[in-house]
């Protein structure tokens, strides 16, 4: 069986990285600051900052809160 880690010259982005990039992009499309997104999602601004910096794990509950605030489906924050 092939080792999935060695199956490509360019490793796939981690889930944290994909989430961070999508969160930043979606927030930008709304023209929102981290503080505005946090307020809309009922979260703290530092939490949003940590997720965007890939410094914090996120629960499915908080993923749903962010997606709801951004008016998108949760899976869209995890799509490459």
N, C-alpha and C. Protein backbone atom coordinates (compact mmCIF):
# COMPACT_ATOMS: atom_id res chain seq x y z
N UNK A 1 0.84 -1.17 0.00
CA UNK A 1 0.00 0.00 0.00
C UNK A 1 0.89 1.24 0.00
N UNK A 2 0.55 2.21 -0.82
CA UNK A 2 1.34 3.44 -0.92
C UNK A 2 1.15 4.29 0.32
N UNK A 3 2.20 4.97 0.68
CA UNK A 3 2.14 5.88 1.81
C UNK A 3 1.52 7.19 1.35
N UNK A 4 0.33 7.57 1.88
CA UNK A 4 -0.34 8.78 1.42
C UNK A 4 0.50 10.04 1.64
N UNK A 5 1.38 10.02 2.62
CA UNK A 5 2.20 11.20 2.88
C UNK A 5 3.21 11.43 1.77
N UNK A 6 3.59 10.39 1.05
CA UNK A 6 4.60 10.51 0.01
C UNK A 6 4.01 10.42 -1.39
N UNK A 7 2.71 10.50 -1.53
CA UNK A 7 2.08 10.30 -2.82
C UNK A 7 2.11 11.54 -3.71
N UNK A 8 2.58 12.66 -3.20
CA UNK A 8 2.62 13.89 -3.97
C UNK A 8 3.86 14.69 -3.60
N UNK A 9 4.38 15.41 -4.58
CA UNK A 9 5.52 16.27 -4.29
C UNK A 9 5.11 17.48 -3.47
N UNK A 10 3.86 17.88 -3.57
CA UNK A 10 3.34 19.02 -2.83
C UNK A 10 2.34 18.49 -1.80
N UNK A 11 2.71 18.52 -0.54
CA UNK A 11 1.80 18.00 0.48
C UNK A 11 0.53 18.83 0.55
N UNK A 12 -0.55 18.16 0.84
CA UNK A 12 -1.83 18.84 0.99
C UNK A 12 -1.78 19.74 2.22
N UNK A 13 -2.51 20.82 2.15
CA UNK A 13 -2.57 21.73 3.29
C UNK A 13 -3.28 21.04 4.44
N UNK A 14 -2.87 21.37 5.64
CA UNK A 14 -3.53 20.80 6.81
C UNK A 14 -4.94 21.38 6.93
N UNK A 15 -5.79 20.69 7.66
CA UNK A 15 -7.15 21.18 7.87
C UNK A 15 -7.13 22.54 8.55
N UNK A 16 -6.21 22.73 9.48
CA UNK A 16 -6.10 24.03 10.16
C UNK A 16 -5.76 25.14 9.17
N UNK A 17 -4.84 24.84 8.25
CA UNK A 17 -4.43 25.85 7.26
C UNK A 17 -5.58 26.18 6.32
N UNK A 18 -6.27 25.16 5.84
CA UNK A 18 -7.41 25.37 4.94
C UNK A 18 -8.48 26.19 5.65
N UNK A 19 -8.79 25.83 6.88
CA UNK A 19 -9.79 26.56 7.66
C UNK A 19 -9.37 28.02 7.82
N UNK A 20 -8.13 28.24 8.19
CA UNK A 20 -7.64 29.61 8.41
C UNK A 20 -7.76 30.44 7.13
N UNK A 21 -7.31 29.89 6.02
CA UNK A 21 -7.36 30.63 4.75
C UNK A 21 -8.79 30.93 4.33
N UNK A 22 -9.67 29.94 4.48
CA UNK A 22 -11.08 30.15 4.11
C UNK A 22 -11.75 31.15 5.04
N UNK A 23 -11.43 31.10 6.31
CA UNK A 23 -12.01 32.03 7.27
C UNK A 23 -11.59 33.46 6.94
N UNK A 24 -10.31 33.65 6.66
CA UNK A 24 -9.80 34.97 6.30
C UNK A 24 -10.47 35.47 5.01
N UNK A 25 -10.58 34.58 4.03
CA UNK A 25 -11.19 34.96 2.74
C UNK A 25 -12.66 35.32 2.90
N UNK A 26 -13.41 34.46 3.61
CA UNK A 26 -14.84 34.72 3.79
C UNK A 26 -15.08 35.99 4.61
N UNK A 27 -14.27 36.20 5.61
CA UNK A 27 -14.38 37.41 6.43
C UNK A 27 -14.10 38.64 5.57
N UNK A 28 -13.10 38.53 4.71
CA UNK A 28 -12.78 39.63 3.80
C UNK A 28 -13.90 39.94 2.83
N UNK A 29 -14.58 38.90 2.34
CA UNK A 29 -15.70 39.11 1.42
C UNK A 29 -16.82 39.90 2.08
N UNK A 30 -16.96 39.73 3.39
CA UNK A 30 -17.98 40.47 4.14
C UNK A 30 -17.49 41.87 4.52
N UNK A 31 -16.18 42.09 4.40
CA UNK A 31 -15.62 43.36 4.83
C UNK A 31 -15.56 43.49 6.34
N UNK A 32 -15.48 42.33 7.02
CA UNK A 32 -15.51 42.31 8.48
C UNK A 32 -14.11 42.22 9.07
N UNK A 33 -13.95 42.83 10.21
CA UNK A 33 -12.76 42.65 11.03
C UNK A 33 -12.92 41.34 11.81
N UNK A 34 -11.84 40.91 12.45
CA UNK A 34 -11.94 39.74 13.32
C UNK A 34 -12.96 40.00 14.42
N UNK A 35 -12.97 41.21 14.93
CA UNK A 35 -13.90 41.57 16.00
C UNK A 35 -15.35 41.48 15.53
N UNK A 36 -15.62 41.95 14.31
CA UNK A 36 -16.98 41.89 13.77
C UNK A 36 -17.43 40.44 13.59
N UNK A 37 -16.56 39.60 13.05
CA UNK A 37 -16.91 38.19 12.89
C UNK A 37 -17.15 37.54 14.24
N UNK A 38 -16.27 37.81 15.18
CA UNK A 38 -16.43 37.24 16.52
C UNK A 38 -17.76 37.65 17.12
N UNK A 39 -18.12 38.90 16.99
CA UNK A 39 -19.39 39.39 17.53
C UNK A 39 -20.56 38.66 16.89
N UNK A 40 -20.55 38.57 15.56
CA UNK A 40 -21.65 37.91 14.84
C UNK A 40 -21.76 36.44 15.20
N UNK A 41 -20.63 35.81 15.50
CA UNK A 41 -20.62 34.38 15.83
C UNK A 41 -20.78 34.11 17.32
N UNK A 42 -20.77 35.16 18.13
CA UNK A 42 -20.87 34.98 19.57
C UNK A 42 -19.60 34.41 20.19
N UNK A 43 -18.47 34.76 19.61
CA UNK A 43 -17.17 34.28 20.08
C UNK A 43 -16.29 35.47 20.44
N UNK A 44 -15.16 35.20 21.04
CA UNK A 44 -14.22 36.26 21.40
C UNK A 44 -13.28 36.54 20.23
N UNK A 45 -12.89 37.80 20.07
CA UNK A 45 -12.01 38.18 18.97
C UNK A 45 -10.70 37.41 18.99
N UNK A 46 -10.16 37.17 20.17
CA UNK A 46 -8.88 36.45 20.23
C UNK A 46 -9.04 35.01 19.75
N UNK A 47 -10.21 34.43 19.93
CA UNK A 47 -10.45 33.08 19.43
C UNK A 47 -10.35 33.08 17.90
N UNK A 48 -11.02 34.03 17.26
CA UNK A 48 -10.97 34.13 15.80
C UNK A 48 -9.52 34.35 15.34
N UNK A 49 -8.80 35.21 16.02
CA UNK A 49 -7.40 35.47 15.68
C UNK A 49 -6.57 34.20 15.79
N UNK A 50 -6.77 33.43 16.85
CA UNK A 50 -6.02 32.18 17.04
C UNK A 50 -6.33 31.17 15.94
N UNK A 51 -7.59 31.06 15.56
CA UNK A 51 -7.97 30.13 14.49
C UNK A 51 -7.32 30.57 13.17
N UNK A 52 -7.35 31.85 12.90
CA UNK A 52 -6.75 32.36 11.65
C UNK A 52 -5.24 32.18 11.63
N UNK A 53 -4.61 32.18 12.79
CA UNK A 53 -3.16 31.97 12.87
C UNK A 53 -2.80 30.49 13.01
N UNK A 54 -3.82 29.64 13.00
CA UNK A 54 -3.65 28.18 13.13
C UNK A 54 -3.05 27.81 14.48
N UNK A 55 -3.33 28.61 15.48
CA UNK A 55 -2.77 28.40 16.81
C UNK A 55 -3.76 27.71 17.74
N UNK A 56 -4.95 27.42 17.24
CA UNK A 56 -5.96 26.85 18.11
C UNK A 56 -6.81 25.84 17.36
N UNK A 57 -7.13 24.76 18.04
CA UNK A 57 -8.08 23.79 17.51
C UNK A 57 -9.47 24.39 17.61
N UNK A 58 -10.38 23.88 16.82
CA UNK A 58 -11.74 24.41 16.82
C UNK A 58 -12.73 23.25 16.93
N UNK A 59 -13.77 23.44 17.69
CA UNK A 59 -14.81 22.41 17.82
C UNK A 59 -15.78 22.55 16.65
N UNK A 60 -16.54 21.50 16.43
CA UNK A 60 -17.57 21.57 15.39
C UNK A 60 -18.62 22.61 15.74
N UNK A 61 -18.91 22.76 17.01
CA UNK A 61 -19.88 23.78 17.44
C UNK A 61 -19.42 25.18 17.02
N UNK A 62 -18.15 25.48 17.25
CA UNK A 62 -17.64 26.80 16.89
C UNK A 62 -17.47 26.95 15.38
N UNK A 63 -17.17 25.87 14.69
CA UNK A 63 -17.12 25.90 13.23
C UNK A 63 -18.50 26.28 12.69
N UNK A 64 -19.54 25.68 13.26
CA UNK A 64 -20.91 25.99 12.84
C UNK A 64 -21.27 27.44 13.15
N UNK A 65 -20.84 27.95 14.30
CA UNK A 65 -21.13 29.34 14.67
C UNK A 65 -20.49 30.31 13.67
N UNK A 66 -19.24 30.03 13.31
CA UNK A 66 -18.55 30.89 12.34
C UNK A 66 -19.23 30.83 10.98
N UNK A 67 -19.57 29.63 10.54
CA UNK A 67 -20.22 29.46 9.24
C UNK A 67 -21.58 30.17 9.22
N UNK A 68 -22.35 30.02 10.28
CA UNK A 68 -23.65 30.67 10.37
C UNK A 68 -23.49 32.19 10.28
N UNK A 69 -22.53 32.72 11.00
CA UNK A 69 -22.28 34.17 10.97
C UNK A 69 -21.90 34.62 9.56
N UNK A 70 -21.13 33.80 8.86
CA UNK A 70 -20.68 34.13 7.50
C UNK A 70 -21.71 33.79 6.43
N UNK A 71 -22.82 33.17 6.85
CA UNK A 71 -23.90 32.77 5.96
C UNK A 71 -23.44 31.77 4.90
N UNK A 72 -22.65 30.80 5.37
CA UNK A 72 -22.20 29.71 4.50
C UNK A 72 -22.38 28.40 5.25
N UNK A 73 -22.19 27.28 4.54
CA UNK A 73 -22.27 25.96 5.17
C UNK A 73 -20.94 25.65 5.84
N UNK A 74 -20.94 24.94 6.97
CA UNK A 74 -19.68 24.65 7.66
C UNK A 74 -18.63 23.98 6.77
N UNK A 75 -19.05 23.07 5.89
CA UNK A 75 -18.07 22.37 5.05
C UNK A 75 -17.31 23.33 4.14
N UNK A 76 -17.90 24.47 3.83
CA UNK A 76 -17.23 25.42 2.94
C UNK A 76 -15.98 26.02 3.58
N UNK A 77 -15.91 26.00 4.89
CA UNK A 77 -14.71 26.48 5.58
C UNK A 77 -13.59 25.46 5.54
N UNK A 78 -13.90 24.23 5.12
CA UNK A 78 -12.90 23.16 5.09
C UNK A 78 -12.55 22.71 3.68
N UNK A 79 -13.15 23.32 2.68
CA UNK A 79 -12.88 22.95 1.29
C UNK A 79 -11.60 23.60 0.79
N UNK A 80 -10.78 22.78 0.10
CA UNK A 80 -9.56 23.34 -0.52
C UNK A 80 -9.90 24.01 -1.82
